Amino acid sequence: MFARRAAAVVPGFSVTDANRADVVRLCQRLDGIPLAIELAAVRLRTLAVAELLARLDDRVLADGSGEGNAAPDNRHRTLRNAIGWSYELCTDAERALWARLSVFAGAFNVAGAREVCADADLNEDDIFETIIRLVDKSVLVHVQPPVVGVPDEDQPAWYRMLDTIHEFGGEMLRASGSEDAVRDRFVGRYLAKARYFADHMTEEVQ
């Protein structure tokens, strides 16, 4: 799986005698967890396998984790290490947006992300490009448009986080000191939508 994902990220990548030991060690460190392996593989755009392994080993040792095994607690800790490690390798804008997008319980589109997540520290004009970078890094996934009966090409792109990444983002949002402001914008957006739909439903009935 690592080899396939790495080749998709870095065309021509393959497991060779020169990097095989590092690849095996990396996958062992990640307990063979698919999401953790994918998060590691996408980092080959900027880091060699040996560098990835060294950075992950540093984080694992700093957290006091030993060798990976199949125990659920250790697998959860391994995945958390991989997610935290991926977070640390993001830019400031990517980390901020990752954390702020955790207020969305499900899928969201770019318009929603701009309205809820942008502020003086994260420019609205940068939201779309930052979302694309988070998709490239497997932090966000593209999902099917949610409106039934409307052609896909007539709907904006929608995105979501996997549960473990979403949970980590929520923790980072709480630690950032900006949670209240982000949640206020989130609530304001959907209250305005609810009022709009309520007003128009009343008009239709009349």
Protein backbone atom coordinates (compact mmCIF):
# COMPACT_ATOMS: atom_id res chain seq x y z
CA MET A 1 0.00 0.00 0.00
CA PHE A 2 2.81 2.41 0.87
CA ALA A 3 4.52 1.72 -2.46
CA ARG A 4 1.30 2.34 -4.46
CA ARG A 5 0.46 5.55 -2.62
CA ALA A 6 4.04 6.78 -2.81
CA ALA A 7 4.16 6.14 -6.57
CA ALA A 8 0.97 8.18 -6.97
CA VAL A 9 2.59 11.06 -5.10
CA VAL A 10 6.09 10.75 -6.58
CA PRO A 11 5.94 9.24 -10.09
CA GLY A 12 8.62 6.60 -10.50
CA PHE A 13 8.91 5.81 -6.80
CA SER A 14 9.55 2.15 -6.04
CA VAL A 15 10.79 0.05 -3.17
CA THR A 16 14.41 -0.84 -3.85
CA ASP A 17 17.23 -2.53 -2.01
CA ALA A 18 18.41 0.93 -0.98
CA ASN A 19 15.18 2.01 0.72
CA ARG A 20 13.48 -1.31 1.53
CA ALA A 21 14.64 -1.46 5.15
CA ASP A 22 13.40 2.09 5.82
CA VAL A 23 10.04 1.40 4.15
CA VAL A 24 9.53 -1.77 6.19
CA ARG A 25 10.53 0.02 9.40
CA LEU A 26 8.19 2.92 8.63
CA CYS A 27 5.21 0.64 8.02
CA GLN A 28 6.02 -1.27 11.22
CA ARG A 29 6.15 2.00 13.16
CA LEU A 30 2.70 2.81 11.75
CA ASP A 31 1.33 -0.63 12.73
CA GLY A 32 0.17 -1.14 9.14
CA ILE A 33 -2.71 1.30 9.73
CA PRO A 34 -3.92 2.39 6.25
CA LEU A 35 -4.67 6.02 7.12
CA ALA A 36 -1.33 6.43 8.91
CA ILE A 37 0.51 4.92 5.93
CA GLU A 38 -1.30 7.23 3.51
CA LEU A 39 -0.46 10.29 5.62
CA ALA A 40 3.18 9.22 5.59
CA ALA A 41 3.31 8.48 1.87
CA VAL A 42 2.05 11.89 0.79
CA ARG A 43 5.01 13.46 2.62
CA LEU A 44 7.38 12.00 0.04
CA ARG A 45 6.78 15.16 -1.97
CA THR A 46 9.15 16.94 0.38
CA LEU A 47 10.98 14.28 2.43
CA ALA A 48 12.90 11.09 1.65
CA VAL A 49 11.79 7.82 3.26
CA ALA A 50 14.71 7.91 5.70
CA GLU A 51 13.74 11.44 6.77
CA LEU A 52 10.12 10.40 7.24
CA LEU A 53 11.21 7.51 9.42
CA ALA A 54 13.55 9.67 11.49
CA ARG A 55 10.85 12.28 12.14
CA LEU A 56 8.30 9.65 13.08
CA ASP A 57 10.77 7.88 15.36
CA ASP A 58 11.51 11.19 17.09
CA ARG A 59 7.81 11.76 17.71
CA VAL A 60 7.16 8.21 18.91
CA LEU A 61 10.08 8.40 21.35
CA ALA A 62 8.98 11.82 22.57
CA ASP A 63 5.53 10.40 23.34
CA GLY A 64 7.04 7.49 25.20
CA SER A 65 5.61 4.89 22.83
CA GLY A 66 7.43 1.64 22.33
CA GLU A 67 7.35 -0.73 19.39
CA GLY A 68 4.02 -0.92 17.62
CA ASN A 69 1.77 -3.94 18.12
CA ALA A 70 -1.79 -4.94 17.44
CA ALA A 71 -3.18 -3.85 20.85
CA PRO A 72 -6.02 -1.35 20.28
CA ASP A 73 -4.53 1.27 22.64
CA ASN A 74 -1.17 1.13 20.90
CA ARG A 75 -2.75 1.25 17.45
CA HIS A 76 -4.76 4.33 18.48
CA ARG A 77 -1.61 5.96 19.84
CA THR A 78 0.30 5.10 16.67
CA LEU A 79 -2.40 6.66 14.50
CA ARG A 80 -2.49 9.73 16.73
CA ASN A 81 1.29 10.04 16.44
CA ALA A 82 1.02 9.90 12.65
CA ILE A 83 -1.75 12.50 12.56
CA GLY A 84 0.10 14.80 14.96
CA TRP A 85 3.27 14.37 12.97
CA SER A 86 1.39 15.25 9.77
CA TYR A 87 -0.08 18.31 11.49
CA GLU A 88 3.38 19.53 12.51
CA LEU A 89 4.55 19.31 8.89
CA CYS A 90 1.71 21.55 7.67
CA THR A 91 2.05 25.29 7.11
CA ASP A 92 0.54 27.72 9.61
CA ALA A 93 -2.44 28.32 7.31
CA GLU A 94 -3.01 24.59 6.83
CA ARG A 95 -2.88 23.94 10.57
CA ALA A 96 -5.29 26.80 11.30
CA LEU A 97 -7.77 25.69 8.66
CA TRP A 98 -7.53 22.02 9.71
CA ALA A 99 -8.42 23.00 13.27
CA ARG A 100 -11.21 25.38 12.30
CA LEU A 101 -12.87 22.98 9.86
CA SER A 102 -13.41 20.59 12.76
CA VAL A 103 -16.51 22.62 13.72
CA PHE A 104 -18.26 21.02 10.73
CA ALA A 105 -19.67 17.69 11.90
CA GLY A 106 -20.10 16.51 8.31
CA ALA A 107 -19.38 17.72 4.80
CA PHE A 108 -18.80 21.36 3.91
CA ASN A 109 -18.11 23.41 0.79
CA VAL A 110 -15.68 26.25 0.11
CA ALA A 111 -18.31 28.93 0.72
CA GLY A 112 -19.01 27.52 4.17
CA ALA A 113 -15.32 27.23 4.96
CA ARG A 114 -14.72 30.84 3.97
CA GLU A 115 -17.59 32.17 6.05
CA VAL A 116 -16.75 30.16 9.16
CA CYS A 117 -12.96 29.89 9.09
CA ALA A 118 -11.62 33.13 7.63
CA ASP A 119 -10.49 35.97 9.86
CA ALA A 120 -7.65 38.49 10.11
CA ASP A 121 -5.14 35.67 10.52
CA LEU A 122 -6.50 33.43 7.74
CA ASN A 123 -7.46 35.36 4.64
CA GLU A 124 -10.71 34.41 2.90
CA ASP A 125 -8.94 34.46 -0.47
CA ASP A 126 -6.52 31.76 0.74
CA ILE A 127 -9.15 29.29 1.92
CA PHE A 128 -9.68 27.47 -1.38
CA GLU A 129 -5.98 26.91 -2.09
CA THR A 130 -5.44 25.77 1.49
CA ILE A 131 -8.30 23.28 1.17
CA ILE A 132 -6.69 21.87 -1.99
CA ARG A 133 -3.39 21.45 -0.17
CA LEU A 134 -5.14 19.63 2.69
CA VAL A 135 -6.80 17.32 0.16
CA ASP A 136 -3.37 16.62 -1.37
CA LYS A 137 -2.11 15.72 2.10
CA SER A 138 -5.09 13.39 2.78
CA VAL A 139 -6.32 15.58 5.64
CA LEU A 140 -9.54 16.26 3.70
CA VAL A 141 -11.38 13.99 1.30
CA HIS A 142 -13.62 15.03 -1.58
CA VAL A 143 -17.18 13.73 -1.23
CA GLN A 144 -20.24 13.51 -3.43
CA PRO A 145 -22.44 16.63 -3.56
CA PRO A 146 -25.27 16.24 -1.02
CA VAL A 147 -28.20 17.61 -3.06
CA VAL A 148 -30.22 14.83 -4.67
CA GLY A 149 -31.57 15.49 -8.16
CA VAL A 150 -29.10 18.24 -9.06
CA PRO A 151 -26.32 17.36 -11.55
CA ASP A 152 -22.89 17.11 -9.90
CA GLU A 153 -21.44 19.70 -12.28
CA ASP A 154 -24.01 22.25 -11.04
CA GLN A 155 -22.99 21.83 -7.41
CA PRO A 156 -19.90 23.13 -5.59
CA ALA A 157 -17.25 20.69 -4.43
CA TRP A 158 -17.80 19.27 -0.93
CA TYR A 159 -15.22 17.94 1.50
CA ARG A 160 -15.04 16.20 4.85
CA MET A 161 -12.56 14.87 7.40
CA LEU A 162 -12.23 11.29 8.54
CA ASP A 163 -13.24 10.87 12.17
CA THR A 164 -9.75 10.53 13.65
CA ILE A 165 -8.46 13.59 11.77
CA HIS A 166 -11.60 15.51 12.73
CA GLU A 167 -11.10 14.64 16.41
CA PHE A 168 -7.49 15.80 16.32
CA GLY A 169 -8.52 19.05 14.61
CA GLY A 170 -11.04 19.70 17.37
CA GLU A 171 -8.33 19.31 20.00
CA MET A 172 -6.10 21.74 18.14
CA LEU A 173 -8.97 24.23 17.82
CA ARG A 174 -9.60 24.12 21.57
CA ALA A 175 -5.89 24.65 22.21
CA SER A 176 -5.70 27.57 19.77
CA GLY A 177 -7.81 30.00 21.76
CA SER A 178 -9.99 30.75 18.71
CA GLU A 179 -12.67 28.10 19.27
CA ASP A 180 -15.36 30.49 20.55
CA ALA A 181 -14.96 32.88 17.61
CA VAL A 182 -15.04 30.06 15.04
CA ARG A 183 -18.08 28.44 16.64
CA ASP A 184 -19.88 31.81 16.80
CA ARG A 185 -19.37 32.25 13.05
CA PHE A 186 -20.51 28.66 12.47
CA VAL A 187 -23.70 29.13 14.50
CA GLY A 188 -24.35 32.49 12.86
CA ARG A 189 -24.07 31.01 9.38
CA TYR A 190 -26.57 28.23 10.00
CA LEU A 191 -29.01 30.36 11.99
CA ALA A 192 -29.12 32.75 9.03
CA LYS A 193 -29.78 29.81 6.69
CA ALA A 194 -32.54 28.49 8.94
CA ARG A 195 -34.23 31.90 9.05
CA TYR A 196 -33.95 32.24 5.28
CA PHE A 197 -35.57 28.86 4.63
CA ALA A 198 -38.26 29.50 7.24
CA ASP A 199 -39.15 32.84 5.64
CA HIS A 200 -39.30 31.38 2.14
CA MET A 201 -41.33 28.35 3.20
CA THR A 202 -43.86 30.76 4.72
CA GLU A 203 -43.98 32.74 1.49
CA GLU A 204 -44.63 29.58 -0.56
CA VAL A 205 -47.47 28.52 1.73
CA GLN A 206 -49.08 31.96 1.48
